[in-house]
Amino acid sequence: MKRTWGNIGTSTQFTQLGQFSNNRLTFSLDSTLRIVKGLSLNIYGSAERIRDQIYLAKRNMSSEDILLQRQALESGFNYSAGLSITFTFGSKYNNVVNSRFGPRRISLAKIF
């Protein structure tokens, strides 16, 4: 949803590998709030329920394998969130001249 004050977007994704028990459900949210012309506050987050890690080793792993990340550990849930301030500058017409030129973005701060 785009409005003059900013935009909000959500997405949900479900994937399944073979059996129904091998699945992954992902939900994400992204919003941008315009503070003043060119300055925006971005808030985003996502959460995943993971049940599709068929690539995991069945044997016990040593501490060395885990620390060196030679083997993946089982994970049932994953989440992330963040906050950033973005300043956009440049001509609003520069994508008319050359489509490779998009708005220039500088991220001033990121959390998480």
PDB file of N, CA and C in Angstrom:
ATOM      1  N   MET A   1       0.847  -1.153   0.000  1.00  0.00           N
ATOM      2  CA  MET A   1       0.000   0.000   0.000  1.00  0.00           C
ATOM      3  C   MET A   1       0.907   1.235   0.000  1.00  0.00           C
ATOM      4  N   LYS A   2       0.751   2.084  -0.992  1.00  0.00           N
ATOM      5  CA  LYS A   2       1.533   3.311  -1.078  1.00  0.00           C
ATOM      6  C   LYS A   2       0.633   4.514  -0.807  1.00  0.00           C
ATOM      7  N   ARG A   3       1.111   5.398   0.027  1.00  0.00           N
ATOM      8  CA  ARG A   3       0.407   6.632   0.352  1.00  0.00           C
ATOM      9  C   ARG A   3       1.428   7.764   0.355  1.00  0.00           C
ATOM     10  N   THR A   4       0.951   8.998   0.509  1.00  0.00           N
ATOM     11  CA  THR A   4       1.862  10.141   0.526  1.00  0.00           C
ATOM     12  C   THR A   4       2.765  10.122   1.758  1.00  0.00           C
ATOM     13  N   TRP A   5       2.314   9.540   2.852  1.00  0.00           N
ATOM     14  CA  TRP A   5       3.104   9.481   4.091  1.00  0.00           C
ATOM     15  C   TRP A   5       4.117   8.343   4.088  1.00  0.00           C
ATOM     16  N   GLY A   6       4.021   7.412   3.120  1.00  0.00           N
ATOM     17  CA  GLY A   6       4.943   6.283   3.059  1.00  0.00           C
ATOM     18  C   GLY A   6       4.270   5.066   2.470  1.00  0.00           C
ATOM     19  N   ASN A   7       4.783   3.893   2.798  1.00  0.00           N
ATOM     20  CA  ASN A   7       4.159   2.666   2.304  1.00  0.00           C
ATOM     21  C   ASN A   7       4.346   1.543   3.314  1.00  0.00           C
ATOM     22  N   ILE A   8       3.465   0.550   3.189  1.00  0.00           N
ATOM     23  CA  ILE A   8       3.504  -0.632   4.036  1.00  0.00           C
ATOM     24  C   ILE A   8       3.313  -1.842   3.136  1.00  0.00           C
ATOM     25  N   GLY A   9       4.110  -2.872   3.368  1.00  0.00           N
ATOM     26  CA  GLY A   9       3.970  -4.096   2.598  1.00  0.00           C
ATOM     27  C   GLY A   9       4.162  -5.316   3.473  1.00  0.00           C
ATOM     28  N   THR A  10       3.395  -6.347   3.196  1.00  0.00           N
ATOM     29  CA  THR A  10       3.544  -7.609   3.910  1.00  0.00           C
ATOM     30  C   THR A  10       3.628  -8.737   2.888  1.00  0.00           C
ATOM     31  N   SER A  11       4.206  -9.829   3.302  1.00  0.00           N
ATOM     32  CA  SER A  11       4.228 -11.009   2.443  1.00  0.00           C
ATOM     33  C   SER A  11       4.216 -12.260   3.313  1.00  0.00           C
ATOM     34  N   THR A  12       3.616 -13.291   2.772  1.00  0.00           N
ATOM     35  CA  THR A  12       3.580 -14.598   3.411  1.00  0.00           C
ATOM     36  C   THR A  12       3.991 -15.621   2.375  1.00  0.00           C
ATOM     37  N   GLN A  13       4.852 -16.543   2.767  1.00  0.00           N
ATOM     38  CA  GLN A  13       5.332 -17.563   1.837  1.00  0.00           C
ATOM     39  C   GLN A  13       5.294 -18.924   2.528  1.00  0.00           C
ATOM     40  N   PHE A  14       4.808 -19.919   1.801  1.00  0.00           N
ATOM     41  CA  PHE A  14       4.776 -21.283   2.302  1.00  0.00           C
ATOM     42  C   PHE A  14       5.439 -22.177   1.261  1.00  0.00           C
ATOM     43  N   THR A  15       6.419 -22.966   1.678  1.00  0.00           N
ATOM     44  CA  THR A  15       7.065 -23.915   0.773  1.00  0.00           C
ATOM     45  C   THR A  15       7.019 -25.295   1.410  1.00  0.00           C
ATOM     46  N   GLN A  16       7.001 -26.292   0.550  1.00  0.00           N
ATOM     47  CA  GLN A  16       6.912 -27.675   1.016  1.00  0.00           C
ATOM     48  C   GLN A  16       7.842 -28.539   0.180  1.00  0.00           C
ATOM     49  N   LEU A  17       8.592 -29.419   0.842  1.00  0.00           N
ATOM     50  CA  LEU A  17       9.486 -30.358   0.165  1.00  0.00           C
ATOM     51  C   LEU A  17       8.936 -31.767   0.341  1.00  0.00           C
ATOM     52  N   GLY A  18       8.361 -32.313  -0.714  1.00  0.00           N
ATOM     53  CA  GLY A  18       7.858 -33.695  -0.643  1.00  0.00           C
ATOM     54  C   GLY A  18       6.711 -33.830   0.321  1.00  0.00           C
ATOM     55  N   GLN A  19       6.958 -34.418   1.470  1.00  0.00           N
ATOM     56  CA  GLN A  19       5.923 -34.634   2.482  1.00  0.00           C
ATOM     57  C   GLN A  19       5.481 -33.310   3.093  1.00  0.00           C
ATOM     58  N   PHE A  20       4.256 -33.290   3.588  1.00  0.00           N
ATOM     59  CA  PHE A  20       3.736 -32.065   4.189  1.00  0.00           C
ATOM     60  C   PHE A  20       4.529 -31.658   5.432  1.00  0.00           C
ATOM     61  N   SER A  21       5.124 -32.614   6.132  1.00  0.00           N
ATOM     62  CA  SER A  21       5.874 -32.297   7.349  1.00  0.00           C
ATOM     63  C   SER A  21       7.172 -31.538   7.053  1.00  0.00           C
ATOM     64  N   ASN A  22       7.646 -31.549   5.813  1.00  0.00           N
ATOM     65  CA  ASN A  22       8.849 -30.802   5.418  1.00  0.00           C
ATOM     66  C   ASN A  22       8.420 -29.478   4.804  1.00  0.00           C
ATOM     67  N   ASN A  23       8.171 -28.491   5.654  1.00  0.00           N
ATOM     68  CA  ASN A  23       7.680 -27.218   5.142  1.00  0.00           C
ATOM     69  C   ASN A  23       8.338 -26.041   5.846  1.00  0.00           C
ATOM     70  N   ARG A  24       8.090 -24.858   5.293  1.00  0.00           N
ATOM     71  CA  ARG A  24       8.610 -23.609   5.849  1.00  0.00           C
ATOM     72  C   ARG A  24       7.552 -22.534   5.641  1.00  0.00           C
ATOM     73  N   LEU A  25       7.257 -21.777   6.686  1.00  0.00           N
ATOM     74  CA  LEU A  25       6.291 -20.692   6.633  1.00  0.00           C
ATOM     75  C   LEU A  25       7.010 -19.399   7.007  1.00  0.00           C
ATOM     76  N   THR A  26       6.914 -18.403   6.133  1.00  0.00           N
ATOM     77  CA  THR A  26       7.602 -17.130   6.337  1.00  0.00           C
ATOM     78  C   THR A  26       6.605 -15.983   6.267  1.00  0.00           C
ATOM     79  N   PHE A  27       6.712 -15.053   7.196  1.00  0.00           N
ATOM     80  CA  PHE A  27       5.901 -13.836   7.204  1.00  0.00           C
ATOM     81  C   PHE A  27       6.839 -12.652   7.346  1.00  0.00           C
ATOM     82  N   SER A  28       6.636 -11.625   6.511  1.00  0.00           N
ATOM     83  CA  SER A  28       7.489 -10.438   6.622  1.00  0.00           C
ATOM     84  C   SER A  28       6.655  -9.165   6.489  1.00  0.00           C
ATOM     85  N   LEU A  29       7.159  -8.103   7.092  1.00  0.00           N
ATOM     86  CA  LEU A  29       6.514  -6.798   7.105  1.00  0.00           C
ATOM     87  C   LEU A  29       7.584  -5.752   6.829  1.00  0.00           C
ATOM     88  N   ASP A  30       7.243  -4.785   5.980  1.00  0.00           N
ATOM     89  CA  ASP A  30       8.179  -3.720   5.630  1.00  0.00           C
ATOM     90  C   ASP A  30       7.386  -2.426   5.528  1.00  0.00           C
ATOM     91  N   SER A  31       7.832  -1.391   6.202  1.00  0.00           N
ATOM     92  CA  SER A  31       7.150  -0.105   6.112  1.00  0.00           C
ATOM     93  C   SER A  31       8.169   1.022   6.014  1.00  0.00           C
ATOM     94  N   THR A  32       7.784   2.043   5.278  1.00  0.00           N
ATOM     95  CA  THR A  32       8.601   3.238   5.114  1.00  0.00           C
ATOM     96  C   THR A  32       7.738   4.443   5.442  1.00  0.00           C
ATOM     97  N   LEU A  33       8.179   5.262   6.370  1.00  0.00           N
ATOM     98  CA  LEU A  33       7.460   6.466   6.762  1.00  0.00           C
ATOM     99  C   LEU A  33       8.280   7.675   6.327  1.00  0.00           C
ATOM    100  N   ARG A  34       7.697   8.521   5.487  1.00  0.00           N
ATOM    101  CA  ARG A  34       8.395   9.726   5.033  1.00  0.00           C
ATOM    102  C   ARG A  34       8.331  10.788   6.126  1.00  0.00           C
ATOM    103  N   ILE A  35       9.494  11.254   6.560  1.00  0.00           N
ATOM    104  CA  ILE A  35       9.563  12.279   7.594  1.00  0.00           C
ATOM    105  C   ILE A  35       9.492  13.650   6.928  1.00  0.00           C
ATOM    106  N   VAL A  36      10.414  13.919   6.028  1.00  0.00           N
ATOM    107  CA  VAL A  36      10.422  15.105   5.167  1.00  0.00           C
ATOM    108  C   VAL A  36      10.887  14.651   3.792  1.00  0.00           C
ATOM    109  N   LYS A  37      10.845  15.526   2.818  1.00  0.00           N
ATOM    110  CA  LYS A  37      11.234  15.169   1.454  1.00  0.00           C
ATOM    111  C   LYS A  37      12.657  14.600   1.449  1.00  0.00           C
ATOM    112  N   GLY A  38      12.780  13.355   1.024  1.00  0.00           N
ATOM    113  CA  GLY A  38      14.082  12.702   0.926  1.00  0.00           C
ATOM    114  C   GLY A  38      14.517  11.942   2.170  1.00  0.00           C
ATOM    115  N   LEU A  39      13.883  12.174   3.320  1.00  0.00           N
ATOM    116  CA  LEU A  39      14.267  11.517   4.568  1.00  0.00           C
ATOM    117  C   LEU A  39      13.147  10.561   5.009  1.00  0.00           C
ATOM    118  N   SER A  40      13.492   9.291   5.199  1.00  0.00           N
ATOM    119  CA  SER A  40      12.498   8.273   5.537  1.00  0.00           C
ATOM    120  C   SER A  40      12.972   7.419   6.696  1.00  0.00           C
ATOM    121  N   LEU A  41      12.016   6.894   7.429  1.00  0.00           N
ATOM    122  CA  LEU A  41      12.260   5.938   8.499  1.00  0.00           C
ATOM    123  C   LEU A  41      11.743   4.589   8.009  1.00  0.00           C
ATOM    124  N   ASN A  42      12.604   3.581   7.996  1.00  0.00           N
ATOM    125  CA  ASN A  42      12.242   2.245   7.521  1.00  0.00           C
ATOM    126  C   ASN A  42      12.193   1.285   8.701  1.00  0.00           C
ATOM    127  N   ILE A  43      11.122   0.515   8.782  1.00  0.00           N
ATOM    128  CA  ILE A  43      10.948  -0.498   9.817  1.00  0.00           C
ATOM    129  C   ILE A  43      10.623  -1.806   9.111  1.00  0.00           C
ATOM    130  N   TYR A  44      11.332  -2.857   9.472  1.00  0.00           N
ATOM    131  CA  TYR A  44      11.095  -4.138   8.804  1.00  0.00           C
ATOM    132  C   TYR A  44      11.307  -5.286   9.782  1.00  0.00           C
ATOM    133  N   GLY A  45      10.684  -6.400   9.449  1.00  0.00           N
ATOM    134  CA  GLY A  45      10.827  -7.588  10.284  1.00  0.00           C
ATOM    135  C   GLY A  45      10.332  -8.815   9.544  1.00  0.00           C
ATOM    136  N   SER A  46      10.790  -9.963   9.986  1.00  0.00           N
ATOM    137  CA  SER A  46      10.327 -11.222   9.408  1.00  0.00           C
ATOM    138  C   SER A  46      10.433 -12.330  10.453  1.00  0.00           C
ATOM    139  N   ALA A  47       9.598 -13.342  10.266  1.00  0.00           N
ATOM    140  CA  ALA A  47       9.611 -14.512  11.138  1.00  0.00           C
ATOM    141  C   ALA A  47       9.385 -15.746  10.272  1.00  0.00           C
ATOM    142  N   GLU A  48      10.111 -16.833  10.601  1.00  0.00           N
ATOM    143  CA  GLU A  48      10.016 -18.080   9.851  1.00  0.00           C
ATOM    144  C   GLU A  48       9.829 -19.250  10.798  1.00  0.00           C
ATOM    145  N   ARG A  49       8.960 -20.166  10.435  1.00  0.00           N
ATOM    146  CA  ARG A  49       8.869 -21.464  11.107  1.00  0.00           C
ATOM    147  C   ARG A  49       9.490 -22.465  10.149  1.00  0.00           C
ATOM    148  N   ILE A  50      10.559 -23.131  10.588  1.00  0.00           N
ATOM    149  CA  ILE A  50      11.373 -23.964   9.707  1.00  0.00           C
ATOM    150  C   ILE A  50      11.184 -25.431  10.054  1.00  0.00           C
ATOM    151  N   ARG A  51      10.790 -26.219   9.059  1.00  0.00           N
ATOM    152  CA  ARG A  51      10.632 -27.664   9.215  1.00  0.00           C
ATOM    153  C   ARG A  51      11.151 -28.419   7.991  1.00  0.00           C
ATOM    154  N   ASP A  52      12.011 -27.767   7.193  1.00  0.00           N
ATOM    155  CA  ASP A  52      12.452 -28.380   5.930  1.00  0.00           C
ATOM    156  C   ASP A  52      13.966 -28.598   5.847  1.00  0.00           C
ATOM    157  N   GLN A  53      14.618 -28.804   6.958  1.00  0.00           N
ATOM    158  CA  GLN A  53      16.069 -28.967   6.956  1.00  0.00           C
ATOM    159  C   GLN A  53      16.448 -30.429   6.747  1.00  0.00           C
ATOM    160  N   ILE A  54      16.205 -30.930   5.544  1.00  0.00           N
ATOM    161  CA  ILE A  54      16.502 -32.334   5.244  1.00  0.00           C
ATOM    162  C   ILE A  54      17.984 -32.566   4.997  1.00  0.00           C
ATOM    163  N   TYR A  55      18.757 -31.510   4.892  1.00  0.00           N
ATOM    164  CA  TYR A  55      20.194 -31.602   4.630  1.00  0.00           C
ATOM    165  C   TYR A  55      21.030 -31.775   5.904  1.00  0.00           C
ATOM    166  N   LEU A  56      20.419 -31.784   7.073  1.00  0.00           N
ATOM    167  CA  LEU A  56      21.167 -31.884   8.325  1.00  0.00           C
ATOM    168  C   LEU A  56      21.800 -33.262   8.488  1.00  0.00           C
ATOM    169  N   ALA A  57      22.961 -33.287   9.093  1.00  0.00           N
ATOM    170  CA  ALA A  57      23.653 -34.548   9.359  1.00  0.00           C
ATOM    171  C   ALA A  57      22.927 -35.315  10.458  1.00  0.00           C
ATOM    172  N   LYS A  58      22.864 -36.644  10.321  1.00  0.00           N
ATOM    173  CA  LYS A  58      22.183 -37.463  11.332  1.00  0.00           C
ATOM    174  C   LYS A  58      23.113 -37.843  12.478  1.00  0.00           C
ATOM    175  N   ARG A  59      24.395 -37.675  12.294  1.00  0.00           N
ATOM    176  CA  ARG A  59      25.348 -38.038  13.339  1.00  0.00           C
ATOM    177  C   ARG A  59      25.544 -36.865  14.301  1.00  0.00           C
ATOM    178  N   ASN A  60      26.106 -37.157  15.475  1.00  0.00           N
ATOM    179  CA  ASN A  60      26.430 -36.109  16.428  1.00  0.00           C
ATOM    180  C   ASN A  60      27.608 -35.305  15.900  1.00  0.00           C
ATOM    181  N   MET A  61      27.535 -33.995  16.088  1.00  0.00           N
ATOM    182  CA  MET A  61      28.591 -33.124  15.591  1.00  0.00           C
ATOM    183  C   MET A  61      29.541 -32.751  16.723  1.00  0.00           C
ATOM    184  N   SER A  62      30.793 -32.585  16.361  1.00  0.00           N
ATOM    185  CA  SER A  62      31.784 -32.163  17.352  1.00  0.00           C
ATOM    186  C   SER A  62      31.686 -30.647  17.546  1.00  0.00           C
ATOM    187  N   SER A  63      32.238 -30.172  18.631  1.00  0.00           N
ATOM    188  CA  SER A  63      32.271 -28.728  18.896  1.00  0.00           C
ATOM    189  C   SER A  63      33.042 -28.006  17.807  1.00  0.00           C
ATOM    190  N   GLU A  64      34.079 -28.656  17.291  1.00  0.00           N
ATOM    191  CA  GLU A  64      34.891 -28.056  16.227  1.00  0.00           C
ATOM    192  C   GLU A  64      34.060 -27.850  14.955  1.00  0.00           C
ATOM    193  N   ASP A  65      33.261 -28.838  14.576  1.00  0.00           N
ATOM    194  CA  ASP A  65      32.403 -28.715  13.397  1.00  0.00           C
ATOM    195  C   ASP A  65      31.398 -27.582  13.553  1.00  0.00           C
ATOM    196  N   ILE A  66      30.861 -27.445  14.740  1.00  0.00           N
ATOM    197  CA  ILE A  66      29.884 -26.388  14.992  1.00  0.00           C
ATOM    198  C   ILE A  66      30.544 -25.016  14.965  1.00  0.00           C
ATOM    199  N   LEU A  67      31.685 -24.858  15.656  1.00  0.00           N
ATOM    200  CA  LEU A  67      32.368 -23.572  15.704  1.00  0.00           C
ATOM    201  C   LEU A  67      32.890 -23.131  14.338  1.00  0.00           C
ATOM    202  N   LEU A  68      33.365 -24.073  13.537  1.00  0.00           N
ATOM    203  CA  LEU A  68      33.885 -23.750  12.211  1.00  0.00           C
ATOM    204  C   LEU A  68      32.790 -23.733  11.149  1.00  0.00           C
ATOM    205  N   GLN A  69      31.559 -23.964  11.553  1.00  0.00           N
ATOM    206  CA  GLN A  69      30.386 -23.966  10.690  1.00  0.00           C
ATOM    207  C   GLN A  69      30.522 -24.922   9.509  1.00  0.00           C
ATOM    208  N   ARG A  70      31.101 -26.077   9.767  1.00  0.00           N
ATOM    209  CA  ARG A  70      31.184 -27.125   8.741  1.00  0.00           C
ATOM    210  C   ARG A  70      29.852 -27.844   8.600  1.00  0.00           C
ATOM    211  N   GLN A  71      29.078 -27.869   9.685  1.00  0.00           N
ATOM    212  CA  GLN A  71      27.764 -28.512   9.697  1.00  0.00           C
ATOM    213  C   GLN A  71      26.740 -27.504  10.221  1.00  0.00           C
ATOM    214  N   ALA A  72      25.540 -27.576   9.681  1.00  0.00           N
ATOM    215  CA  ALA A  72      24.465 -26.698  10.135  1.00  0.00           C
ATOM    216  C   ALA A  72      23.767 -27.307  11.339  1.00  0.00           C
ATOM    217  N   LEU A  73      23.299 -26.453  12.221  1.00  0.00           N
ATOM    218  CA  LEU A  73      22.530 -26.891  13.377  1.00  0.00           C
ATOM    219  C   LEU A  73      21.043 -26.809  13.054  1.00  0.00           C
ATOM    220  N   GLU A  74      20.266 -27.653  13.697  1.00  0.00           N
ATOM    221  CA  GLU A  74      18.828 -27.632  13.479  1.00  0.00           C
ATOM    222  C   GLU A  74      18.236 -26.337  14.040  1.00  0.00           C
ATOM    223  N   SER A  75      17.334 -25.767  13.298  1.00  0.00           N
ATOM    224  CA  SER A  75      16.683 -24.537  13.705  1.00  0.00           C
ATOM    225  C   SER A  75      15.194 -24.670  13.439  1.00  0.00           C
ATOM    226  N   GLY A  76      14.365 -24.338  14.398  1.00  0.00           N
ATOM    227  CA  GLY A  76      12.928 -24.449  14.220  1.00  0.00           C
ATOM    228  C   GLY A  76      12.264 -23.109  13.963  1.00  0.00           C
ATOM    229  N   PHE A  77      12.961 -22.017  14.333  1.00  0.00           N
ATOM    230  CA  PHE A  77      12.373 -20.697  14.207  1.00  0.00           C
ATOM    231  C   PHE A  77      13.470 -19.688  13.923  1.00  0.00           C
ATOM    232  N   ASN A  78      13.193 -18.726  13.064  1.00  0.00           N
ATOM    233  CA  ASN A  78      14.154 -17.683  12.729  1.00  0.00           C
ATOM    234  C   ASN A  78      13.399 -16.359  12.668  1.00  0.00           C
ATOM    235  N   TYR A  79      13.972 -15.304  13.216  1.00  0.00           N
ATOM    236  CA  TYR A  79      13.335 -13.994  13.157  1.00  0.00           C
ATOM    237  C   TYR A  79      14.391 -12.917  12.975  1.00  0.00           C
ATOM    238  N   SER A  80      13.970 -11.795  12.421  1.00  0.00           N
ATOM    239  CA  SER A  80      14.851 -10.644  12.280  1.00  0.00           C
ATOM    240  C   SER A  80      13.997  -9.385  12.272  1.00  0.00           C
ATOM    241  N   ALA A  81      14.595  -8.282  12.693  1.00  0.00           N
ATOM    242  CA  ALA A  81      13.901  -6.995  12.718  1.00  0.00           C
ATOM    243  C   ALA A  81      14.940  -5.906  12.550  1.00  0.00           C
ATOM    244  N   GLY A  82      14.496  -4.780  12.070  1.00  0.00           N
ATOM    245  CA  GLY A  82      15.442  -3.697  11.889  1.00  0.00           C
ATOM    246  C   GLY A  82      14.770  -2.350  11.752  1.00  0.00           C
ATOM    247  N   LEU A  83      15.577  -1.341  11.897  1.00  0.00           N
ATOM    248  CA  LEU A  83      15.146   0.036  11.823  1.00  0.00           C
ATOM    249  C   LEU A  83      16.260   0.801  11.132  1.00  0.00           C
ATOM    250  N   SER A  84      15.924   1.613  10.161  1.00  0.00           N
ATOM    251  CA  SER A  84      16.962   2.406   9.494  1.00  0.00           C
ATOM    252  C   SER A  84      16.401   3.755   9.088  1.00  0.00           C
ATOM    253  N   ILE A  85      17.280   4.698   8.932  1.00  0.00           N
ATOM    254  CA  ILE A  85      16.938   6.032   8.433  1.00  0.00           C
ATOM    255  C   ILE A  85      17.593   6.161   7.073  1.00  0.00           C
ATOM    256  N   THR A  86      16.809   6.569   6.071  1.00  0.00           N
ATOM    257  CA  THR A  86      17.306   6.640   4.698  1.00  0.00           C
ATOM    258  C   THR A  86      17.149   8.059   4.169  1.00  0.00           C
ATOM    259  N   PHE A  87      18.203   8.569   3.533  1.00  0.00           N
ATOM    260  CA  PHE A  87      18.140   9.863   2.859  1.00  0.00           C
ATOM    261  C   PHE A  87      18.309   9.620   1.367  1.00  0.00           C
ATOM    262  N   THR A  88      17.348  10.073   0.562  1.00  0.00           N
ATOM    263  CA  THR A  88      17.379   9.900  -0.886  1.00  0.00           C
ATOM    264  C   THR A  88      17.632  11.254  -1.530  1.00  0.00           C
ATOM    265  N   PHE A  89      18.576  11.289  -2.458  1.00  0.00           N
ATOM    266  CA  PHE A  89      18.854  12.542  -3.149  1.00  0.00           C
ATOM    267  C   PHE A  89      19.070  12.277  -4.621  1.00  0.00           C
ATOM    268  N   GLY A  90      19.068  13.338  -5.405  1.00  0.00           N
ATOM    269  CA  GLY A  90      19.208  13.231  -6.854  1.00  0.00           C
ATOM    270  C   GLY A  90      17.928  13.690  -7.522  1.00  0.00           C
ATOM    271  N   SER A  91      17.989  13.867  -8.813  1.00  0.00           N
ATOM    272  CA  SER A  91      16.844  14.331  -9.575  1.00  0.00           C
ATOM    273  C   SER A  91      15.779  13.250  -9.658  1.00  0.00           C
ATOM    274  N   LYS A  92      14.511  13.649  -9.558  1.00  0.00           N
ATOM    275  CA  LYS A  92      13.433  12.673  -9.716  1.00  0.00           C
ATOM    276  C   LYS A  92      13.271  12.261 -11.172  1.00  0.00           C
ATOM    277  N   TYR A  93      13.958  12.949 -12.096  1.00  0.00           N
ATOM    278  CA  TYR A  93      13.863  12.634 -13.520  1.00  0.00           C
ATOM    279  C   TYR A  93      15.046  11.824 -14.047  1.00  0.00           C
ATOM    280  N   ASN A  94      16.024  11.472 -13.215  1.00  0.00           N
ATOM    281  CA  ASN A  94      17.204  10.787 -13.735  1.00  0.00           C
ATOM    282  C   ASN A  94      16.912   9.380 -14.233  1.00  0.00           C
ATOM    283  N   ASN A  95      15.792   8.742 -13.877  1.00  0.00           N
ATOM    284  CA  ASN A  95      15.470   7.450 -14.453  1.00  0.00           C
ATOM    285  C   ASN A  95      14.844   7.591 -15.836  1.00  0.00           C
ATOM    286  N   VAL A  96      14.404   8.813 -16.218  1.00  0.00           N
ATOM    287  CA  VAL A  96      13.891   9.060 -17.565  1.00  0.00           C
ATOM    288  C   VAL A  96      15.052   9.098 -18.538  1.00  0.00           C
ATOM    289  N   VAL A  97      16.155   9.737 -18.146  1.00  0.00           N
ATOM    290  CA  VAL A  97      17.330   9.844 -19.002  1.00  0.00           C
ATOM    291  C   VAL A  97      18.012   8.491 -19.145  1.00  0.00           C
ATOM    292  N   ASN A  98      18.225   7.804 -18.031  1.00  0.00           N
ATOM    293  CA  ASN A  98      18.889   6.512 -18.049  1.00  0.00           C
ATOM    294  C   ASN A  98      18.274   5.660 -16.948  1.00  0.00           C
ATOM    295  N   SER A  99      17.684   4.540 -17.314  1.00  0.00           N
ATOM    296  CA  SER A  99      16.977   3.717 -16.330  1.00  0.00           C
ATOM    297  C   SER A  99      17.901   3.103 -15.282  1.00  0.00           C
ATOM    298  N   ARG A 100      19.214   3.088 -15.524  1.00  0.00           N
ATOM    299  CA  ARG A 100      20.150   2.559 -14.517  1.00  0.00           C
ATOM    300  C   ARG A 100      20.305   3.494 -13.342  1.00  0.00           C
ATOM    301  N   PHE A 101      19.949   4.764 -13.511  1.00  0.00           N
ATOM    302  CA  PHE A 101      20.058   5.734 -12.430  1.00  0.00           C
ATOM    303  C   PHE A 101      18.792   5.698 -11.601  1.00  0.00           C
ATOM    304  N   GLY A 102      18.869   5.166 -10.412  1.00  0.00           N
ATOM    305  CA  GLY A 102      17.739   5.170  -9.487  1.00  0.00           C
ATOM    306  C   GLY A 102      18.013   6.195  -8.413  1.00  0.00           C
ATOM    307  N   PRO A 103      17.103   6.376  -7.487  1.00  0.00           N
ATOM    308  CA  PRO A 103      17.389   7.295  -6.384  1.00  0.00           C
ATOM    309  C   PRO A 103      18.589   6.806  -5.584  1.00  0.00           C
ATOM    310  N   ARG A 104      19.410   7.700  -5.150  1.00  0.00           N
ATOM    311  CA  ARG A 104      20.588   7.348  -4.350  1.00  0.00           C
ATOM    312  C   ARG A 104      20.163   7.268  -2.896  1.00  0.00           C
ATOM    313  N   ARG A 105      20.541   6.206  -2.219  1.00  0.00           N
ATOM    314  CA  ARG A 105      20.133   6.008  -0.828  1.00  0.00           C
ATOM    315  C   ARG A 105      21.375   5.885   0.051  1.00  0.00           C
ATOM    316  N   ILE A 106      21.316   6.558   1.173  1.00  0.00           N
ATOM    317  CA  ILE A 106      22.360   6.465   2.187  1.00  0.00           C
ATOM    318  C   ILE A 106      21.686   6.029   3.474  1.00  0.00           C
ATOM    319  N   SER A 107      22.110   4.914   4.016  1.00  0.00           N
ATOM    320  CA  SER A 107      21.554   4.446   5.274  1.00  0.00           C
ATOM    321  C   SER A 107      22.365   5.033   6.410  1.00  0.00           C
ATOM    322  N   LEU A 108      21.729   5.803   7.255  1.00  0.00           N
ATOM    323  CA  LEU A 108      22.436   6.484   8.344  1.00  0.00           C
ATOM    324  C   LEU A 108      22.586   5.609   9.583  1.00  0.00           C
ATOM    325  N   ALA A 109      21.625   4.738   9.824  1.00  0.00           N
ATOM    326  CA  ALA A 109      21.691   3.894  11.021  1.00  0.00           C
ATOM    327  C   ALA A 109      20.920   2.614  10.785  1.00  0.00           C
ATOM    328  N   LYS A 110      21.436   1.511  11.311  1.00  0.00           N
ATOM    329  CA  LYS A 110      20.722   0.245  11.261  1.00  0.00           C
ATOM    330  C   LYS A 110      20.820  -0.419  12.628  1.00  0.00           C
ATOM    331  N   ILE A 111      19.729  -1.008  13.040  1.00  0.00           N
ATOM    332  CA  ILE A 111      19.668  -1.704  14.324  1.00  0.00           C
ATOM    333  C   ILE A 111      19.267  -3.141  14.039  1.00  0.00           C
ATOM    334  N   PHE A 112      19.814  -4.102  14.762  1.00  0.00           N
ATOM    335  CA  PHE A 112      19.574  -5.540  14.623  1.00  0.00           C
ATOM    336  C   PHE A 112      20.286  -5.988  13.395  1.00  0.00           C
TER     337      PHE A 112
END
